[in-house]
Amino acid sequence: MRDHLIRATTPGIRAFAAVTTELVEEARRRHDCYPVASAALGRTMTAALMLAANLKTEETLTLRIEGDGPLGTVVTDANSRGAVRGYVKNPQIHLPLREGKLDVGKAVGSGTITLTRFTGLKQPFSGSAPLLTGEIGEDVANYLLLSEQTPSTVAVGVLVQPDLTVTAAGGLLVQAMPGADDKTVAAVEENLARLPAVSQLVTEGYDGAAMLEKVFAGLPVNLYDSYPLAFNCPCSKEKVENVLISLGKSELEDIILDGQAELICHFCNQKYIFERAELEDLLKRLDNK
């Protein structure tokens, strides 16, 4: 089952479901994450993609989890076209299981969740809220309630195998709109209470549409077209060249004395190496400006 996101509505309520197994495994591989880091990063990327589903075409968002736990900061970028990238500051952290589950809450710790929307205006919109549990899903729901006054249920899950690979990941975002009927809300809440963990549903072969049908069981539901999701980072050697040029002549000359420059993208862990000859060409370009 390829990664995808789908939206559904019933009068007064909207919901999003995502399957993100492949992209979370891609992030794990790129950052060489241990299980608890894979879970934290995968949950955050999944939540960011569901939040980004409401953006306009050219808009993007950044979801940042800043806790005092051993993982450090978790950062993800996502857009409405299904692209996401992300990293965790300390990906190789190991913690003992808590009640048989990865202890993401302890790994993240206490701190702040911040959501920034880049809408093309001069100043992006940014809001924040305290972390409730560090488990990501509850923290995103708390942010939506406090900062955007939108009652929401957010469930995100990642299943990591003993060999460290990710074999199931996904999420659900359910939101009550203003004026939603109390009986409808109660029915959806009952359905959600009966649902297994999202990672279990994905493991059992549920796609996004099947998950949403369980969320809206017994209610009229409108399912909309799904679209693919993928880990995607727009970094390139050309962009890194521009970063080096922006350092200025003096610093670039110092780097040339070292004989080589190595830069690594935080988001995708792609390594860019510049040999002396390439650095000297960049210096010439700078002199010719």
C-alpha atoms as a PDB file:
ATOM      1  CA  MET A   1       0.000   0.000   0.000  1.00  0.00           C
ATOM      2  CA  ARG A   2       1.569   3.258  -1.149  1.00  0.00           C
ATOM      3  CA  ASP A   3       1.544   6.321   1.087  1.00  0.00           C
ATOM      4  CA  HIS A   4      -1.499   8.531   0.639  1.00  0.00           C
ATOM      5  CA  LEU A   5      -3.863  10.987   2.317  1.00  0.00           C
ATOM      6  CA  ILE A   6      -7.647  11.208   1.950  1.00  0.00           C
ATOM      7  CA  ARG A   7     -10.291  13.551   3.327  1.00  0.00           C
ATOM      8  CA  ALA A   8     -13.905  12.814   4.304  1.00  0.00           C
ATOM      9  CA  THR A   9     -16.808  14.775   5.738  1.00  0.00           C
ATOM     10  CA  THR A  10     -20.115  14.233   7.425  1.00  0.00           C
ATOM     11  CA  PRO A  11     -22.317  17.243   8.281  1.00  0.00           C
ATOM     12  CA  GLY A  12     -20.415  19.325  10.829  1.00  0.00           C
ATOM     13  CA  ILE A  13     -17.278  17.164  10.946  1.00  0.00           C
ATOM     14  CA  ARG A  14     -14.271  16.728   8.699  1.00  0.00           C
ATOM     15  CA  ALA A  15     -11.568  14.094   8.908  1.00  0.00           C
ATOM     16  CA  PHE A  16      -8.259  13.206   7.302  1.00  0.00           C
ATOM     17  CA  ALA A  17      -6.537   9.834   7.175  1.00  0.00           C
ATOM     18  CA  ALA A  18      -2.963   9.183   6.092  1.00  0.00           C
ATOM     19  CA  VAL A  19      -0.818   6.135   5.452  1.00  0.00           C
ATOM     20  CA  THR A  20       2.826   7.175   5.781  1.00  0.00           C
ATOM     21  CA  THR A  21       4.802   3.941   6.141  1.00  0.00           C
ATOM     22  CA  GLU A  22       7.165   4.455   3.210  1.00  0.00           C
ATOM     23  CA  LEU A  23       8.051   8.064   3.939  1.00  0.00           C
ATOM     24  CA  VAL A  24       8.656   7.389   7.635  1.00  0.00           C
ATOM     25  CA  GLU A  25      10.939   4.484   6.716  1.00  0.00           C
ATOM     26  CA  GLU A  26      12.732   6.801   4.285  1.00  0.00           C
ATOM     27  CA  ALA A  27      13.284   9.331   7.071  1.00  0.00           C
ATOM     28  CA  ARG A  28      14.475   6.579   9.417  1.00  0.00           C
ATOM     29  CA  ARG A  29      16.968   5.355   6.847  1.00  0.00           C
ATOM     30  CA  ARG A  30      18.267   8.811   5.980  1.00  0.00           C
ATOM     31  CA  HIS A  31      18.795   9.825   9.607  1.00  0.00           C
ATOM     32  CA  ASP A  32      19.743   6.365  10.923  1.00  0.00           C
ATOM     33  CA  CYS A  33      17.089   6.659  13.637  1.00  0.00           C
ATOM     34  CA  TYR A  34      16.717   4.334  16.587  1.00  0.00           C
ATOM     35  CA  PRO A  35      13.117   3.192  17.279  1.00  0.00           C
ATOM     36  CA  VAL A  36      11.971   5.946  19.657  1.00  0.00           C
ATOM     37  CA  ALA A  37      13.335   8.623  17.308  1.00  0.00           C
ATOM     38  CA  SER A  38      11.638   6.946  14.328  1.00  0.00           C
ATOM     39  CA  ALA A  39       8.352   7.019  16.213  1.00  0.00           C
ATOM     40  CA  ALA A  40       8.653  10.667  17.259  1.00  0.00           C
ATOM     41  CA  LEU A  41       9.759  11.867  13.823  1.00  0.00           C
ATOM     42  CA  GLY A  42       7.229   9.698  11.991  1.00  0.00           C
ATOM     43  CA  ARG A  43       4.341  10.870  14.160  1.00  0.00           C
ATOM     44  CA  THR A  44       5.333  14.507  13.674  1.00  0.00           C
ATOM     45  CA  MET A  45       5.677  14.181   9.902  1.00  0.00           C
ATOM     46  CA  THR A  46       2.315  12.409   9.672  1.00  0.00           C
ATOM     47  CA  ALA A  47       0.613  15.117  11.745  1.00  0.00           C
ATOM     48  CA  ALA A  48       2.229  17.842   9.626  1.00  0.00           C
ATOM     49  CA  LEU A  49       0.920  16.261   6.420  1.00  0.00           C
ATOM     50  CA  MET A  50      -2.637  16.090   7.757  1.00  0.00           C
ATOM     51  CA  LEU A  51      -2.471  19.717   8.927  1.00  0.00           C
ATOM     52  CA  ALA A  52      -1.062  20.741   5.537  1.00  0.00           C
ATOM     53  CA  ALA A  53      -4.054  19.205   3.767  1.00  0.00           C
ATOM     54  CA  ASN A  54      -5.964  22.419   4.520  1.00  0.00           C
ATOM     55  CA  LEU A  55      -3.330  24.693   2.956  1.00  0.00           C
ATOM     56  CA  LYS A  56      -3.607  26.406  -0.394  1.00  0.00           C
ATOM     57  CA  THR A  57      -1.465  25.110  -3.249  1.00  0.00           C
ATOM     58  CA  GLU A  58       1.697  27.151  -2.706  1.00  0.00           C
ATOM     59  CA  GLU A  59       1.534  27.337   1.084  1.00  0.00           C
ATOM     60  CA  THR A  60       3.734  25.335   3.441  1.00  0.00           C
ATOM     61  CA  LEU A  61       3.956  24.762   7.169  1.00  0.00           C
ATOM     62  CA  THR A  62       6.572  23.875   9.743  1.00  0.00           C
ATOM     63  CA  LEU A  63       5.688  21.800  12.795  1.00  0.00           C
ATOM     64  CA  ARG A  64       8.300  22.039  15.550  1.00  0.00           C
ATOM     65  CA  ILE A  65       8.389  19.983  18.757  1.00  0.00           C
ATOM     66  CA  GLU A  66      10.811  21.462  21.269  1.00  0.00           C
ATOM     67  CA  GLY A  67      11.081  19.305  24.382  1.00  0.00           C
ATOM     68  CA  ASP A  68      13.656  18.921  27.114  1.00  0.00           C
ATOM     69  CA  GLY A  69      13.934  15.155  26.611  1.00  0.00           C
ATOM     70  CA  PRO A  70      16.965  13.376  25.114  1.00  0.00           C
ATOM     71  CA  LEU A  71      15.647  13.530  21.528  1.00  0.00           C
ATOM     72  CA  GLY A  72      15.935  17.314  21.419  1.00  0.00           C
ATOM     73  CA  THR A  73      14.007  19.250  18.785  1.00  0.00           C
ATOM     74  CA  VAL A  74      11.885  17.528  16.117  1.00  0.00           C
ATOM     75  CA  VAL A  75      11.225  19.639  13.007  1.00  0.00           C
ATOM     76  CA  THR A  76       9.087  18.868   9.951  1.00  0.00           C
ATOM     77  CA  ASP A  77       8.056  20.805   6.844  1.00  0.00           C
ATOM     78  CA  ALA A  78       5.003  19.833   4.784  1.00  0.00           C
ATOM     79  CA  ASN A  79       2.842  21.172   1.951  1.00  0.00           C
ATOM     80  CA  SER A  80      -0.608  20.451   0.540  1.00  0.00           C
ATOM     81  CA  ARG A  81       0.882  18.528  -2.394  1.00  0.00           C
ATOM     82  CA  GLY A  82       1.911  15.690  -0.112  1.00  0.00           C
ATOM     83  CA  ALA A  83       5.611  16.458   0.320  1.00  0.00           C
ATOM     84  CA  VAL A  84       7.211  16.292   3.746  1.00  0.00           C
ATOM     85  CA  ARG A  85      10.702  16.347   5.211  1.00  0.00           C
ATOM     86  CA  GLY A  86      11.955  16.318   8.777  1.00  0.00           C
ATOM     87  CA  TYR A  87      14.682  15.592  11.259  1.00  0.00           C
ATOM     88  CA  VAL A  88      15.236  14.930  14.945  1.00  0.00           C
ATOM     89  CA  LYS A  89      18.226  16.490  16.676  1.00  0.00           C
ATOM     90  CA  ASN A  90      19.402  13.302  18.396  1.00  0.00           C
ATOM     91  CA  PRO A  91      18.226  10.340  16.292  1.00  0.00           C
ATOM     92  CA  GLN A  92      20.237   7.644  18.044  1.00  0.00           C
ATOM     93  CA  ILE A  93      18.605   7.672  21.462  1.00  0.00           C
ATOM     94  CA  HIS A  94      17.564   4.468  23.183  1.00  0.00           C
ATOM     95  CA  LEU A  95      15.055   4.284  26.044  1.00  0.00           C
ATOM     96  CA  PRO A  96      13.483   1.232  27.695  1.00  0.00           C
ATOM     97  CA  LEU A  97       9.917   0.389  26.695  1.00  0.00           C
ATOM     98  CA  ARG A  98       7.055   1.654  28.839  1.00  0.00           C
ATOM     99  CA  GLU A  99       4.249  -0.883  29.186  1.00  0.00           C
ATOM    100  CA  GLY A 100       5.533  -2.611  26.070  1.00  0.00           C
ATOM    101  CA  LYS A 101       5.496   0.541  23.942  1.00  0.00           C
ATOM    102  CA  LEU A 102       8.091   3.038  22.757  1.00  0.00           C
ATOM    103  CA  ASP A 103       8.338   5.811  25.348  1.00  0.00           C
ATOM    104  CA  VAL A 104       8.026   8.772  22.989  1.00  0.00           C
ATOM    105  CA  GLY A 105       6.676  11.004  25.752  1.00  0.00           C
ATOM    106  CA  LYS A 106       9.810  10.593  27.867  1.00  0.00           C
ATOM    107  CA  ALA A 107      12.076  10.935  24.826  1.00  0.00           C
ATOM    108  CA  VAL A 108      10.415  14.242  23.874  1.00  0.00           C
ATOM    109  CA  GLY A 109       9.890  15.586  27.398  1.00  0.00           C
ATOM    110  CA  SER A 110       8.233  18.863  28.387  1.00  0.00           C
ATOM    111  CA  GLY A 111       8.318  21.956  26.227  1.00  0.00           C
ATOM    112  CA  THR A 112       6.490  23.622  23.376  1.00  0.00           C
ATOM    113  CA  ILE A 113       4.787  22.743  20.102  1.00  0.00           C
ATOM    114  CA  THR A 114       4.903  25.454  17.437  1.00  0.00           C
ATOM    115  CA  LEU A 115       3.102  25.563  14.098  1.00  0.00           C
ATOM    116  CA  THR A 116       4.161  28.104  11.485  1.00  0.00           C
ATOM    117  CA  ARG A 117       2.215  28.609   8.258  1.00  0.00           C
ATOM    118  CA  PHE A 118       3.962  30.235   5.301  1.00  0.00           C
ATOM    119  CA  THR A 119       1.188  31.762   3.214  1.00  0.00           C
ATOM    120  CA  GLY A 120       3.217  33.981   0.895  1.00  0.00           C
ATOM    121  CA  LEU A 121       2.580  37.075   2.974  1.00  0.00           C
ATOM    122  CA  LYS A 122       5.489  39.063   4.392  1.00  0.00           C
ATOM    123  CA  GLN A 123       5.025  37.605   7.874  1.00  0.00           C
ATOM    124  CA  PRO A 124       4.157  33.933   8.370  1.00  0.00           C
ATOM    125  CA  PHE A 125       1.488  32.971  10.886  1.00  0.00           C
ATOM    126  CA  SER A 126       2.890  31.226  13.950  1.00  0.00           C
ATOM    127  CA  GLY A 127       1.271  29.850  17.094  1.00  0.00           C
ATOM    128  CA  SER A 128       2.419  27.681  19.952  1.00  0.00           C
ATOM    129  CA  ALA A 129       1.160  25.716  22.940  1.00  0.00           C
ATOM    130  CA  PRO A 130       2.717  23.712  25.762  1.00  0.00           C
ATOM    131  CA  LEU A 131       3.377  20.017  25.214  1.00  0.00           C
ATOM    132  CA  LEU A 132       0.868  17.935  27.129  1.00  0.00           C
ATOM    133  CA  THR A 133       2.409  14.479  26.951  1.00  0.00           C
ATOM    134  CA  GLY A 134       5.182  14.550  24.363  1.00  0.00           C
ATOM    135  CA  GLU A 135       3.341  11.756  22.522  1.00  0.00           C
ATOM    136  CA  ILE A 136       2.718  14.136  19.574  1.00  0.00           C
ATOM    137  CA  GLY A 137      -0.925  13.315  18.762  1.00  0.00           C
ATOM    138  CA  GLU A 138      -2.349  14.730  21.987  1.00  0.00           C
ATOM    139  CA  ASP A 139       0.003  17.693  21.705  1.00  0.00           C
ATOM    140  CA  VAL A 140      -1.183  18.597  18.208  1.00  0.00           C
ATOM    141  CA  ALA A 141      -4.819  18.302  19.335  1.00  0.00           C
ATOM    142  CA  ASN A 142      -4.104  20.559  22.305  1.00  0.00           C
ATOM    143  CA  TYR A 143      -2.444  23.110  20.025  1.00  0.00           C
ATOM    144  CA  LEU A 144      -5.449  23.138  17.686  1.00  0.00           C
ATOM    145  CA  LEU A 145      -7.814  23.695  20.603  1.00  0.00           C
ATOM    146  CA  LEU A 146      -5.802  26.429  22.329  1.00  0.00           C
ATOM    147  CA  SER A 147      -4.385  28.297  19.339  1.00  0.00           C
ATOM    148  CA  GLU A 148      -7.063  27.781  16.694  1.00  0.00           C
ATOM    149  CA  GLN A 149     -10.129  27.007  18.826  1.00  0.00           C
ATOM    150  CA  THR A 150     -10.785  23.849  16.812  1.00  0.00           C
ATOM    151  CA  PRO A 151     -11.774  20.764  18.853  1.00  0.00           C
ATOM    152  CA  SER A 152      -9.826  17.891  17.292  1.00  0.00           C
ATOM    153  CA  THR A 153      -8.819  14.293  17.755  1.00  0.00           C
ATOM    154  CA  VAL A 154      -5.348  13.463  16.445  1.00  0.00           C
ATOM    155  CA  ALA A 155      -4.095   9.878  16.356  1.00  0.00           C
ATOM    156  CA  VAL A 156      -0.661   9.132  14.904  1.00  0.00           C
ATOM    157  CA  GLY A 157       1.276   5.884  15.103  1.00  0.00           C
ATOM    158  CA  VAL A 158       4.490   4.236  13.941  1.00  0.00           C
ATOM    159  CA  LEU A 159       5.345   0.531  14.206  1.00  0.00           C
ATOM    160  CA  VAL A 160       9.082  -0.206  14.356  1.00  0.00           C
ATOM    161  CA  GLN A 161      10.481  -3.735  14.047  1.00  0.00           C
ATOM    162  CA  PRO A 162      13.415  -5.210  16.031  1.00  0.00           C
ATOM    163  CA  ASP A 163      15.642  -4.700  12.964  1.00  0.00           C
ATOM    164  CA  LEU A 164      14.771  -0.941  13.240  1.00  0.00           C
ATOM    165  CA  THR A 165      12.701  -0.810  10.036  1.00  0.00           C
ATOM    166  CA  VAL A 166       9.308   0.911   9.987  1.00  0.00           C
ATOM    167  CA  THR A 167       6.558  -1.422   8.764  1.00  0.00           C
ATOM    168  CA  ALA A 168       3.434   0.646   9.488  1.00  0.00           C
ATOM    169  CA  ALA A 169       2.745   4.339  10.013  1.00  0.00           C
ATOM    170  CA  GLY A 170      -0.279   6.559   9.641  1.00  0.00           C
ATOM    171  CA  GLY A 171      -2.634   9.026  11.225  1.00  0.00           C
ATOM    172  CA  LEU A 172      -6.151  10.325  11.722  1.00  0.00           C
ATOM    173  CA  LEU A 173      -7.234  13.936  12.225  1.00  0.00           C
ATOM    174  CA  VAL A 174     -10.911  14.504  13.076  1.00  0.00           C
ATOM    175  CA  GLN A 175     -12.306  18.008  13.616  1.00  0.00           C
ATOM    176  CA  ALA A 176     -15.721  19.307  14.681  1.00  0.00           C
ATOM    177  CA  MET A 177     -16.753  22.435  12.820  1.00  0.00           C
ATOM    178  CA  PRO A 178     -18.761  25.306  14.342  1.00  0.00           C
ATOM    179  CA  GLY A 179     -22.407  24.307  14.681  1.00  0.00           C
ATOM    180  CA  ALA A 180     -21.756  20.570  14.568  1.00  0.00           C
ATOM    181  CA  ASP A 181     -24.697  18.511  15.817  1.00  0.00           C
ATOM    182  CA  ASP A 182     -24.109  17.093  19.311  1.00  0.00           C
ATOM    183  CA  LYS A 183     -25.470  13.665  18.361  1.00  0.00           C
ATOM    184  CA  THR A 184     -23.156  13.453  15.361  1.00  0.00           C
ATOM    185  CA  VAL A 185     -20.171  14.459  17.460  1.00  0.00           C
ATOM    186  CA  ALA A 186     -21.091  11.858  20.085  1.00  0.00           C
ATOM    187  CA  ALA A 187     -21.417   9.139  17.431  1.00  0.00           C
ATOM    188  CA  VAL A 188     -17.994   9.942  15.991  1.00  0.00           C
ATOM    189  CA  GLU A 189     -16.456  10.005  19.463  1.00  0.00           C
ATOM    190  CA  GLU A 190     -17.886   6.535  20.150  1.00  0.00           C
ATOM    191  CA  ASN A 191     -16.473   5.254  16.866  1.00  0.00           C
ATOM    192  CA  LEU A 192     -13.062   6.706  17.665  1.00  0.00           C
ATOM    193  CA  ALA A 193     -13.074   5.124  21.122  1.00  0.00           C
ATOM    194  CA  ARG A 194     -13.547   1.707  19.527  1.00  0.00           C
ATOM    195  CA  LEU A 195     -10.763   2.107  16.981  1.00  0.00           C
ATOM    196  CA  PRO A 196      -7.518   0.156  17.398  1.00  0.00           C
ATOM    197  CA  ALA A 197      -4.226   2.049  17.137  1.00  0.00           C
ATOM    198  CA  VAL A 198      -3.627   3.576  13.713  1.00  0.00           C
ATOM    199  CA  SER A 199      -0.434   1.563  13.237  1.00  0.00           C
ATOM    200  CA  GLN A 200      -2.454  -1.617  13.869  1.00  0.00           C
ATOM    201  CA  LEU A 201      -5.043  -0.604  11.264  1.00  0.00           C
ATOM    202  CA  VAL A 202      -2.289   0.028   8.705  1.00  0.00           C
ATOM    203  CA  THR A 203      -0.670  -3.296   9.592  1.00  0.00           C
ATOM    204  CA  GLU A 204      -4.012  -5.022   8.975  1.00  0.00           C
ATOM    205  CA  GLY A 205      -4.186  -3.473   5.503  1.00  0.00           C
ATOM    206  CA  TYR A 206      -6.593  -0.589   6.073  1.00  0.00           C
ATOM    207  CA  ASP A 207      -6.110   2.256   3.638  1.00  0.00           C
ATOM    208  CA  GLY A 208      -7.164   5.823   4.398  1.00  0.00           C
ATOM    209  CA  ALA A 209     -10.676   5.403   3.031  1.00  0.00           C
ATOM    210  CA  ALA A 210     -11.295   2.274   5.126  1.00  0.00           C
ATOM    211  CA  MET A 211     -10.076   4.073   8.262  1.00  0.00           C
ATOM    212  CA  LEU A 212     -12.419   7.005   7.608  1.00  0.00           C
ATOM    213  CA  GLU A 213     -15.358   4.668   7.055  1.00  0.00           C
ATOM    214  CA  LYS A 214     -14.755   3.310  10.553  1.00  0.00           C
ATOM    215  CA  VAL A 215     -14.569   6.862  11.944  1.00  0.00           C
ATOM    216  CA  PHE A 216     -17.934   7.707  10.352  1.00  0.00           C
ATOM    217  CA  ALA A 217     -19.609   4.308  10.808  1.00  0.00           C
ATOM    218  CA  GLY A 218     -23.395   4.711  10.920  1.00  0.00           C
ATOM    219  CA  LEU A 219     -23.244   8.239   9.466  1.00  0.00           C
ATOM    220  CA  PRO A 220     -23.526   9.622   5.926  1.00  0.00           C
ATOM    221  CA  VAL A 221     -19.987  10.148   4.652  1.00  0.00           C
ATOM    222  CA  ASN A 222     -18.483  11.927   1.665  1.00  0.00           C
ATOM    223  CA  LEU A 223     -15.069  10.611   0.636  1.00  0.00           C
ATOM    224  CA  TYR A 224     -12.855  12.825  -1.519  1.00  0.00           C
ATOM    225  CA  ASP A 225     -10.006  11.907  -3.846  1.00  0.00           C
ATOM    226  CA  SER A 226      -6.817  10.718  -2.205  1.00  0.00           C
ATOM    227  CA  TYR A 227      -3.352  11.906  -3.207  1.00  0.00           C
ATOM    228  CA  PRO A 228       0.135  10.438  -2.781  1.00  0.00           C
ATOM    229  CA  LEU A 229       2.553  11.369  -0.001  1.00  0.00           C
ATOM    230  CA  ALA A 230       6.341  11.236  -0.059  1.00  0.00           C
ATOM    231  CA  PHE A 231       9.467  12.270   1.799  1.00  0.00           C
ATOM    232  CA  ASN A 232      10.869  15.058  -0.352  1.00  0.00           C
ATOM    233  CA  CYS A 233      13.598  17.609   0.312  1.00  0.00           C
ATOM    234  CA  PRO A 234      14.202  20.392  -2.229  1.00  0.00           C
ATOM    235  CA  CYS A 235      17.858  20.835  -1.300  1.00  0.00           C
ATOM    236  CA  SER A 236      20.398  20.670  -4.138  1.00  0.00           C
ATOM    237  CA  LYS A 237      24.071  21.287  -4.783  1.00  0.00           C
ATOM    238  CA  GLU A 238      23.167  24.520  -6.560  1.00  0.00           C
ATOM    239  CA  LYS A 239      21.365  25.808  -3.443  1.00  0.00           C
ATOM    240  CA  VAL A 240      24.320  24.827  -1.277  1.00  0.00           C
ATOM    241  CA  GLU A 241      26.628  26.693  -3.670  1.00  0.00           C
ATOM    242  CA  ASN A 242      24.557  29.825  -3.116  1.00  0.00           C
ATOM    243  CA  VAL A 243      24.920  29.343   0.647  1.00  0.00           C
ATOM    244  CA  LEU A 244      28.696  29.167   0.303  1.00  0.00           C
ATOM    245  CA  ILE A 245      28.762  32.270  -1.894  1.00  0.00           C
ATOM    246  CA  SER A 246      26.612  34.130   0.615  1.00  0.00           C
ATOM    247  CA  LEU A 247      29.329  33.600   3.247  1.00  0.00           C
ATOM    248  CA  GLY A 248      31.429  36.249   1.537  1.00  0.00           C
ATOM    249  CA  LYS A 249      34.929  36.386   0.037  1.00  0.00           C
ATOM    250  CA  SER A 250      36.951  36.251   3.254  1.00  0.00           C
ATOM    251  CA  GLU A 251      35.228  33.188   4.694  1.00  0.00           C
ATOM    252  CA  LEU A 252      35.237  31.415   1.347  1.00  0.00           C
ATOM    253  CA  GLU A 253      38.999  31.988   1.086  1.00  0.00           C
ATOM    254  CA  ASP A 254      39.447  30.456   4.546  1.00  0.00           C
ATOM    255  CA  ILE A 255      37.471  27.397   3.462  1.00  0.00           C
ATOM    256  CA  ILE A 256      39.658  27.057   0.344  1.00  0.00           C
ATOM    257  CA  LEU A 257      42.739  26.955   2.586  1.00  0.00           C
ATOM    258  CA  ASP A 258      41.229  23.860   4.218  1.00  0.00           C
ATOM    259  CA  GLY A 259      41.111  22.270   0.770  1.00  0.00           C
ATOM    260  CA  GLN A 260      37.543  20.981   0.931  1.00  0.00           C
ATOM    261  CA  ALA A 261      34.068  21.827   2.231  1.00  0.00           C
ATOM    262  CA  GLU A 262      31.443  19.349   3.410  1.00  0.00           C
ATOM    263  CA  LEU A 263      27.885  20.478   4.073  1.00  0.00           C
ATOM    264  CA  ILE A 264      24.995  18.296   5.233  1.00  0.00           C
ATOM    265  CA  CYS A 265      21.292  19.114   4.905  1.00  0.00           C
ATOM    266  CA  HIS A 266      19.606  18.843   8.317  1.00  0.00           C
ATOM    267  CA  PHE A 267      16.310  17.750   6.805  1.00  0.00           C
ATOM    268  CA  CYS A 268      17.411  14.871   4.569  1.00  0.00           C
ATOM    269  CA  ASN A 269      20.992  14.197   5.689  1.00  0.00           C
ATOM    270  CA  GLN A 270      22.241  14.587   2.115  1.00  0.00           C
ATOM    271  CA  LYS A 271      25.975  15.306   2.071  1.00  0.00           C
ATOM    272  CA  TYR A 272      27.482  17.830  -0.363  1.00  0.00           C
ATOM    273  CA  ILE A 273      31.260  17.855  -0.846  1.00  0.00           C
ATOM    274  CA  PHE A 274      33.092  20.689  -2.594  1.00  0.00           C
ATOM    275  CA  GLU A 275      36.677  20.133  -3.671  1.00  0.00           C
ATOM    276  CA  ARG A 276      39.225  22.950  -3.850  1.00  0.00           C
ATOM    277  CA  ALA A 277      38.680  23.539  -7.575  1.00  0.00           C
ATOM    278  CA  GLU A 278      34.929  23.906  -7.094  1.00  0.00           C
ATOM    279  CA  LEU A 279      35.451  26.323  -4.212  1.00  0.00           C
ATOM    280  CA  GLU A 280      37.837  28.394  -6.318  1.00  0.00           C
ATOM    281  CA  ASP A 281      35.202  28.568  -9.070  1.00  0.00           C
ATOM    282  CA  LEU A 282      32.688  29.856  -6.506  1.00  0.00           C
ATOM    283  CA  LEU A 283      35.206  32.503  -5.442  1.00  0.00           C
ATOM    284  CA  LYS A 284      35.590  33.600  -9.085  1.00  0.00           C
ATOM    285  CA  ARG A 285      31.818  33.882  -9.389  1.00  0.00           C
ATOM    286  CA  LEU A 286      31.798  36.030  -6.275  1.00  0.00           C
ATOM    287  CA  ASP A 287      34.573  38.274  -7.644  1.00  0.00           C
ATOM    288  CA  ASN A 288      32.688  38.711 -10.917  1.00  0.00           C
ATOM    289  CA  LYS A 289      29.506  39.923  -9.245  1.00  0.00           C
END
